[in-house]
PDB file of N, CA and C in Angstrom:
ATOM      1  N   MET A   1      92.919 -22.677  -4.500  1.00  0.00           N
ATOM      2  CA  MET A   1      92.102 -22.535  -5.972  1.00  0.00           C
ATOM      3  C   MET A   1      92.446 -23.462  -7.444  1.00  0.00           C
ATOM      4  N   TYR A   2      91.731 -23.788  -7.406  1.00  0.00           N
ATOM      5  CA  TYR A   2      92.339 -24.328  -9.060  1.00  0.00           C
ATOM      6  C   TYR A   2      91.487 -24.053 -10.329  1.00  0.00           C
ATOM      7  N   THR A   3      92.376 -23.423 -10.987  1.00  0.00           N
ATOM      8  CA  THR A   3      92.571 -22.588 -12.532  1.00  0.00           C
ATOM      9  C   THR A   3      92.202 -23.480 -13.615  1.00  0.00           C
ATOM     10  N   ILE A   4      91.452 -23.450 -14.660  1.00  0.00           N
ATOM     11  CA  ILE A   4      91.903 -23.994 -16.049  1.00  0.00           C
ATOM     12  C   ILE A   4      91.734 -22.199 -17.262  1.00  0.00           C
ATOM     13  N   ASN A   5      93.661 -22.595 -18.011  1.00  0.00           N
ATOM     14  CA  ASN A   5      92.845 -21.259 -18.684  1.00  0.00           C
ATOM     15  C   ASN A   5      93.102 -21.952 -20.435  1.00  0.00           C
ATOM     16  N   LEU A   6      92.060 -21.480 -20.049  1.00  0.00           N
ATOM     17  CA  LEU A   6      90.501 -22.314 -21.840  1.00  0.00           C
ATOM     18  C   LEU A   6      91.603 -21.167 -23.213  1.00  0.00           C
ATOM     19  N   GLN A   7      91.282 -22.537 -23.803  1.00  0.00           N
ATOM     20  CA  GLN A   7      91.651 -21.575 -25.166  1.00  0.00           C
ATOM     21  C   GLN A   7      90.398 -20.420 -25.473  1.00  0.00           C
ATOM     22  N   THR A   8      90.082 -19.864 -26.803  1.00  0.00           N
ATOM     23  CA  THR A   8      88.955 -19.346 -26.629  1.00  0.00           C
ATOM     24  C   THR A   8      88.163 -20.128 -27.714  1.00  0.00           C
ATOM     25  N   PRO A   9      86.457 -21.067 -27.078  1.00  0.00           N
ATOM     26  CA  PRO A   9      86.059 -21.345 -28.944  1.00  0.00           C
ATOM     27  C   PRO A   9      86.207 -21.612 -29.649  1.00  0.00           C
ATOM     28  N   GLN A  10      86.542 -22.507 -29.916  1.00  0.00           N
ATOM     29  CA  GLN A  10      85.158 -21.613 -31.850  1.00  0.00           C
ATOM     30  C   GLN A  10      83.846 -21.958 -32.393  1.00  0.00           C
ATOM     31  N   PHE A  11      83.105 -21.963 -32.411  1.00  0.00           N
ATOM     32  CA  PHE A  11      81.882 -22.147 -32.544  1.00  0.00           C
ATOM     33  C   PHE A  11      81.589 -22.394 -34.111  1.00  0.00           C
ATOM     34  N   LEU A  12      80.000 -23.521 -34.448  1.00  0.00           N
ATOM     35  CA  LEU A  12      79.575 -23.695 -35.544  1.00  0.00           C
ATOM     36  C   LEU A  12      78.643 -23.376 -35.530  1.00  0.00           C
ATOM     37  N   THR A  13      78.019 -23.187 -36.582  1.00  0.00           N
ATOM     38  CA  THR A  13      76.744 -23.179 -36.155  1.00  0.00           C
ATOM     39  C   THR A  13      75.134 -24.139 -37.666  1.00  0.00           C
ATOM     40  N   ASP A  14      74.497 -24.661 -36.960  1.00  0.00           N
ATOM     41  CA  ASP A  14      74.233 -25.563 -38.098  1.00  0.00           C
ATOM     42  C   ASP A  14      72.687 -25.021 -39.079  1.00  0.00           C
ATOM     43  N   SER A  15      72.248 -25.920 -39.570  1.00  0.00           N
ATOM     44  CA  SER A  15      71.011 -25.796 -40.771  1.00  0.00           C
ATOM     45  C   SER A  15      69.486 -25.270 -39.777  1.00  0.00           C
ATOM     46  N   ASN A  16      70.118 -26.091 -38.621  1.00  0.00           N
ATOM     47  CA  ASN A  16      69.200 -24.746 -37.752  1.00  0.00           C
ATOM     48  C   ASN A  16      69.025 -23.491 -37.168  1.00  0.00           C
ATOM     49  N   GLY A  17      70.978 -23.163 -37.394  1.00  0.00           N
ATOM     50  CA  GLY A  17      70.421 -22.109 -36.226  1.00  0.00           C
ATOM     51  C   GLY A  17      71.247 -22.379 -34.475  1.00  0.00           C
ATOM     52  N   ASN A  18      71.373 -23.940 -34.288  1.00  0.00           N
ATOM     53  CA  ASN A  18      72.210 -23.542 -32.925  1.00  0.00           C
ATOM     54  C   ASN A  18      73.877 -23.948 -32.907  1.00  0.00           C
ATOM     55  N   SER A  19      74.389 -23.336 -31.597  1.00  0.00           N
ATOM     56  CA  SER A  19      75.315 -23.054 -32.346  1.00  0.00           C
ATOM     57  C   SER A  19      75.924 -24.112 -30.519  1.00  0.00           C
ATOM     58  N   LEU A  20      77.451 -24.302 -31.121  1.00  0.00           N
ATOM     59  CA  LEU A  20      78.278 -25.594 -30.880  1.00  0.00           C
ATOM     60  C   LEU A  20      79.149 -25.371 -30.957  1.00  0.00           C
ATOM     61  N   ALA A  21      79.912 -25.339 -29.608  1.00  0.00           N
ATOM     62  CA  ALA A  21      81.310 -24.454 -29.420  1.00  0.00           C
ATOM     63  C   ALA A  21      82.077 -25.737 -28.480  1.00  0.00           C
ATOM     64  N   LEU A  22      83.435 -25.918 -30.158  1.00  0.00           N
ATOM     65  CA  LEU A  22      84.608 -26.199 -29.280  1.00  0.00           C
ATOM     66  C   LEU A  22      85.693 -26.549 -29.248  1.00  0.00           C
ATOM     67  N   ILE A  23      85.930 -27.424 -28.205  1.00  0.00           N
ATOM     68  CA  ILE A  23      87.458 -26.782 -27.296  1.00  0.00           C
ATOM     69  C   ILE A  23      88.319 -28.227 -27.583  1.00  0.00           C
ATOM     70  N   PRO A  24      89.871 -27.793 -27.327  1.00  0.00           N
ATOM     71  CA  PRO A  24      90.330 -28.996 -27.894  1.00  0.00           C
ATOM     72  C   PRO A  24      89.948 -29.904 -26.641  1.00  0.00           C
ATOM     73  N   ALA A  25      89.993 -31.971 -26.974  1.00  0.00           N
ATOM     74  CA  ALA A  25      89.700 -32.187 -26.288  1.00  0.00           C
ATOM     75  C   ALA A  25      90.605 -32.675 -24.676  1.00  0.00           C
ATOM     76  N   ASP A  26      92.212 -32.419 -24.974  1.00  0.00           N
ATOM     77  CA  ASP A  26      92.435 -31.943 -23.672  1.00  0.00           C
ATOM     78  C   ASP A  26      91.676 -31.186 -22.510  1.00  0.00           C
ATOM     79  N   GLU A  27      91.429 -29.780 -22.848  1.00  0.00           N
ATOM     80  CA  GLU A  27      90.538 -29.200 -22.414  1.00  0.00           C
ATOM     81  C   GLU A  27      89.310 -29.396 -21.823  1.00  0.00           C
ATOM     82  N   TYR A  28      88.746 -30.550 -22.287  1.00  0.00           N
ATOM     83  CA  TYR A  28      88.109 -31.426 -21.869  1.00  0.00           C
ATOM     84  C   TYR A  28      87.575 -31.780 -20.987  1.00  0.00           C
ATOM     85  N   ARG A  29      88.112 -32.739 -21.450  1.00  0.00           N
ATOM     86  CA  ARG A  29      88.985 -33.797 -19.759  1.00  0.00           C
ATOM     87  C   ARG A  29      90.097 -32.623 -18.997  1.00  0.00           C
ATOM     88  N   GLU A  30      89.985 -32.163 -18.289  1.00  0.00           N
ATOM     89  CA  GLU A  30      90.010 -31.035 -17.784  1.00  0.00           C
ATOM     90  C   GLU A  30      89.306 -30.871 -16.822  1.00  0.00           C
ATOM     91  N   LEU A  31      88.263 -30.179 -17.645  1.00  0.00           N
ATOM     92  CA  LEU A  31      86.555 -29.306 -17.378  1.00  0.00           C
ATOM     93  C   LEU A  31      85.730 -30.765 -16.550  1.00  0.00           C
ATOM     94  N   LEU A  32      85.765 -32.061 -17.764  1.00  0.00           N
ATOM     95  CA  LEU A  32      84.875 -33.081 -16.959  1.00  0.00           C
ATOM     96  C   LEU A  32      85.407 -32.798 -15.013  1.00  0.00           C
ATOM     97  N   ALA A  33      86.991 -33.859 -14.829  1.00  0.00           N
ATOM     98  CA  ALA A  33      87.902 -33.415 -14.083  1.00  0.00           C
ATOM     99  C   ALA A  33      86.916 -32.534 -12.514  1.00  0.00           C
ATOM    100  N   LEU A  34      87.321 -31.251 -13.300  1.00  0.00           N
ATOM    101  CA  LEU A  34      87.407 -30.109 -12.037  1.00  0.00           C
ATOM    102  C   LEU A  34      85.361 -30.554 -11.709  1.00  0.00           C
ATOM    103  N   VAL A  35      84.743 -30.888 -13.346  1.00  0.00           N
ATOM    104  CA  VAL A  35      83.258 -31.564 -11.942  1.00  0.00           C
ATOM    105  C   VAL A  35      83.091 -32.015 -11.362  1.00  0.00           C
ATOM    106  N   GLU A  36      84.050 -33.389 -11.796  1.00  0.00           N
ATOM    107  CA  GLU A  36      84.688 -34.442 -10.765  1.00  0.00           C
ATOM    108  C   GLU A  36      84.476 -34.277  -8.949  1.00  0.00           C
ATOM    109  N   MET A  37      85.605 -34.083  -8.632  1.00  0.00           N
ATOM    110  CA  MET A  37      85.894 -32.813  -7.664  1.00  0.00           C
ATOM    111  C   MET A  37      84.882 -32.408  -7.269  1.00  0.00           C
ATOM    112  N   TYR A  38      84.761 -31.537  -8.242  1.00  0.00           N
ATOM    113  CA  TYR A  38      82.975 -30.430  -7.612  1.00  0.00           C
ATOM    114  C   TYR A  38      81.968 -31.206  -6.910  1.00  0.00           C
ATOM    115  N   GLU A  39      81.923 -32.408  -8.064  1.00  0.00           N
ATOM    116  CA  GLU A  39      80.849 -33.943  -7.757  1.00  0.00           C
ATOM    117  C   GLU A  39      80.912 -34.415  -6.280  1.00  0.00           C
ATOM    118  N   GLU A  40      82.866 -34.437  -5.862  1.00  0.00           N
ATOM    119  CA  GLU A  40      82.404 -35.161  -4.726  1.00  0.00           C
ATOM    120  C   GLU A  40      83.006 -33.983  -3.272  1.00  0.00           C
ATOM    121  N   LEU A  41      83.171 -33.303  -3.711  1.00  0.00           N
ATOM    122  CA  LEU A  41      83.125 -33.005  -2.400  1.00  0.00           C
ATOM    123  C   LEU A  41      81.523 -31.850  -2.401  1.00  0.00           C
ATOM    124  N   GLU A  42      81.298 -31.906  -2.910  1.00  0.00           N
ATOM    125  CA  GLU A  42      79.068 -32.211  -2.598  1.00  0.00           C
ATOM    126  C   GLU A  42      79.045 -33.415  -2.026  1.00  0.00           C
ATOM    127  N   ASP A  43      79.781 -34.376  -2.447  1.00  0.00           N
ATOM    128  CA  ASP A  43      78.945 -35.503  -1.557  1.00  0.00           C
ATOM    129  C   ASP A  43      79.803 -36.041   0.350  1.00  0.00           C
ATOM    130  N   ILE A  44      80.858 -35.225  -0.237  1.00  0.00           N
ATOM    131  CA  ILE A  44      81.631 -35.225   1.336  1.00  0.00           C
ATOM    132  C   ILE A  44      80.889 -33.954   2.392  1.00  0.00           C
ATOM    133  N   ARG A  45      79.904 -33.014   1.888  1.00  0.00           N
ATOM    134  CA  ARG A  45      79.308 -32.416   3.065  1.00  0.00           C
ATOM    135  C   ARG A  45      78.129 -33.561   2.881  1.00  0.00           C
ATOM    136  N   SER A  46      77.583 -33.802   2.106  1.00  0.00           N
ATOM    137  CA  SER A  46      76.512 -34.646   2.049  1.00  0.00           C
ATOM    138  C   SER A  46      76.975 -35.613   3.497  1.00  0.00           C
ATOM    139  N   VAL A  47      78.124 -35.928   3.300  1.00  0.00           N
ATOM    140  CA  VAL A  47      78.332 -36.747   4.862  1.00  0.00           C
ATOM    141  C   VAL A  47      77.931 -36.076   5.918  1.00  0.00           C
ATOM    142  N   ARG A  48      78.896 -35.039   6.118  1.00  0.00           N
ATOM    143  CA  ARG A  48      78.897 -33.639   6.809  1.00  0.00           C
ATOM    144  C   ARG A  48      77.559 -34.039   7.204  1.00  0.00           C
ATOM    145  N   GLU A  49      77.053 -33.766   6.634  1.00  0.00           N
ATOM    146  CA  GLU A  49      75.491 -32.906   7.281  1.00  0.00           C
ATOM    147  C   GLU A  49      73.860 -33.701   7.431  1.00  0.00           C
ATOM    148  N   ALA A  50      75.204 -34.846   6.603  1.00  0.00           N
ATOM    149  CA  ALA A  50      74.338 -36.515   7.643  1.00  0.00           C
ATOM    150  C   ALA A  50      74.592 -36.669   8.904  1.00  0.00           C
ATOM    151  N   LYS A  51      75.667 -35.767  10.165  1.00  0.00           N
ATOM    152  CA  LYS A  51      76.168 -36.854  10.960  1.00  0.00           C
ATOM    153  C   LYS A  51      75.959 -37.879  11.857  1.00  0.00           C
ATOM    154  N   GLY A  52      74.204 -36.899  12.171  1.00  0.00           N
ATOM    155  CA  GLY A  52      73.227 -38.377  12.924  1.00  0.00           C
ATOM    156  C   GLY A  52      72.636 -38.904  12.629  1.00  0.00           C
ATOM    157  N   GLU A  53      73.213 -38.927  11.640  1.00  0.00           N
ATOM    158  CA  GLU A  53      72.889 -40.466  11.355  1.00  0.00           C
ATOM    159  C   GLU A  53      73.439 -41.110  11.538  1.00  0.00           C
ATOM    160  N   GLU A  54      73.023 -43.185  12.075  1.00  0.00           N
ATOM    161  CA  GLU A  54      73.804 -43.995  12.082  1.00  0.00           C
ATOM    162  C   GLU A  54      75.413 -45.032  11.393  1.00  0.00           C
ATOM    163  N   THR A  55      76.616 -44.559  11.764  1.00  0.00           N
ATOM    164  CA  THR A  55      77.283 -45.338  10.593  1.00  0.00           C
ATOM    165  C   THR A  55      77.740 -46.780  11.062  1.00  0.00           C
ATOM    166  N   GLU A  56      78.113 -47.051  10.566  1.00  0.00           N
ATOM    167  CA  GLU A  56      78.848 -48.918  11.205  1.00  0.00           C
ATOM    168  C   GLU A  56      80.053 -48.325  10.089  1.00  0.00           C
ATOM    169  N   PRO A  57      81.407 -49.445  11.421  1.00  0.00           N
ATOM    170  CA  PRO A  57      82.646 -48.924   9.702  1.00  0.00           C
ATOM    171  C   PRO A  57      83.144 -50.228   8.472  1.00  0.00           C
ATOM    172  N   ILE A  58      83.704 -49.813   7.833  1.00  0.00           N
ATOM    173  CA  ILE A  58      83.803 -49.780   6.564  1.00  0.00           C
ATOM    174  C   ILE A  58      83.950 -51.530   6.706  1.00  0.00           C
ATOM    175  N   ASP A  59      84.739 -52.176   7.568  1.00  0.00           N
ATOM    176  CA  ASP A  59      84.743 -53.886   6.957  1.00  0.00           C
ATOM    177  C   ASP A  59      83.993 -54.540   7.930  1.00  0.00           C
ATOM    178  N   VAL A  60      82.362 -54.090   8.321  1.00  0.00           N
ATOM    179  CA  VAL A  60      81.622 -54.505   7.878  1.00  0.00           C
ATOM    180  C   VAL A  60      80.734 -54.375   7.383  1.00  0.00           C
ATOM    181  N   PHE A  61      80.297 -53.057   6.524  1.00  0.00           N
ATOM    182  CA  PHE A  61      79.769 -52.571   5.934  1.00  0.00           C
ATOM    183  C   PHE A  61      79.803 -53.711   4.139  1.00  0.00           C
ATOM    184  N   PHE A  62      81.329 -53.879   4.457  1.00  0.00           N
ATOM    185  CA  PHE A  62      81.962 -54.769   3.043  1.00  0.00           C
ATOM    186  C   PHE A  62      81.754 -56.394   3.749  1.00  0.00           C
ATOM    187  N   GLU A  63      81.854 -56.695   4.594  1.00  0.00           N
ATOM    188  CA  GLU A  63      81.095 -58.078   4.730  1.00  0.00           C
ATOM    189  C   GLU A  63      80.224 -58.195   4.357  1.00  0.00           C
ATOM    190  N   ARG A  64      78.339 -57.045   4.628  1.00  0.00           N
ATOM    191  CA  ARG A  64      77.383 -57.407   4.471  1.00  0.00           C
ATOM    192  C   ARG A  64      76.843 -56.657   2.707  1.00  0.00           C
ATOM    193  N   VAL A  65      78.251 -56.078   1.744  1.00  0.00           N
ATOM    194  CA  VAL A  65      77.942 -56.326   0.346  1.00  0.00           C
ATOM    195  C   VAL A  65      78.556 -58.154  -0.154  1.00  0.00           C
ATOM    196  N   GLU A  66      79.595 -58.357   0.964  1.00  0.00           N
ATOM    197  CA  GLU A  66      79.647 -59.678  -0.108  1.00  0.00           C
ATOM    198  C   GLU A  66      78.743 -60.632   0.366  1.00  0.00           C
ATOM    199  N   LYS A  67      77.952 -60.299   1.042  1.00  0.00           N
ATOM    200  CA  LYS A  67      77.025 -62.041   2.485  1.00  0.00           C
ATOM    201  C   LYS A  67      76.617 -61.909   1.119  1.00  0.00           C
ATOM    202  N   TYR A  68      75.398 -60.442   0.932  1.00  0.00           N
ATOM    203  CA  TYR A  68      74.267 -59.788  -0.944  1.00  0.00           C
ATOM    204  C   TYR A  68      74.832 -60.451  -1.721  1.00  0.00           C
ATOM    205  N   ARG A  69      76.102 -60.336  -2.570  1.00  0.00           N
ATOM    206  CA  ARG A  69      76.164 -60.338  -3.442  1.00  0.00           C
ATOM    207  C   ARG A  69      76.561 -62.173  -3.553  1.00  0.00           C
ATOM    208  N   LYS A  70      76.671 -62.741  -2.561  1.00  0.00           N
ATOM    209  CA  LYS A  70      76.600 -64.095  -2.942  1.00  0.00           C
ATOM    210  C   LYS A  70      75.795 -65.118  -2.509  1.00  0.00           C
ATOM    211  N   GLU A  71      74.210 -64.424  -1.243  1.00  0.00           N
ATOM    212  CA  GLU A  71      73.215 -64.605  -1.951  1.00  0.00           C
ATOM    213  C   GLU A  71      71.760 -64.711  -2.865  1.00  0.00           C
ATOM    214  N   ASN A  72      72.528 -63.489  -3.522  1.00  0.00           N
ATOM    215  CA  ASN A  72      71.790 -63.086  -4.845  1.00  0.00           C
ATOM    216  C   ASN A  72      72.448 -63.666  -6.034  1.00  0.00           C
ATOM    217  N   GLY A  73      73.774 -64.551  -5.516  1.00  0.00           N
ATOM    218  CA  GLY A  73      74.568 -65.113  -6.878  1.00  0.00           C
ATOM    219  C   GLY A  73      74.919 -63.623  -8.126  1.00  0.00           C
ATOM    220  N   ILE A  74      75.368 -63.299  -7.073  1.00  0.00           N
ATOM    221  CA  ILE A  74      76.510 -62.326  -7.889  1.00  0.00           C
ATOM    222  C   ILE A  74      78.147 -61.742  -7.966  1.00  0.00           C
ATOM    223  N   SER A  75      78.865 -62.059  -8.380  1.00  0.00           N
ATOM    224  CA  SER A  75      80.641 -62.744  -8.105  1.00  0.00           C
ATOM    225  C   SER A  75      81.585 -61.064  -8.364  1.00  0.00           C
TER     226      SER A  75
END
């Protein structure tokens, strides 16, 4: 399991009474990486759930992409 040891954030309150939490930039980047990892896991789960769908080899997929790009003037 992935764990992050976070420092206690500092809180600021603006003139409207809204609170903001401040955390160090490196902790923020770690949290973003963790979120991305979980999003990738969700993508993997979605693919596994869609097993019944027809698939194609990756080289065939890239050939289709390349053909589409050439036909549409995308470099």
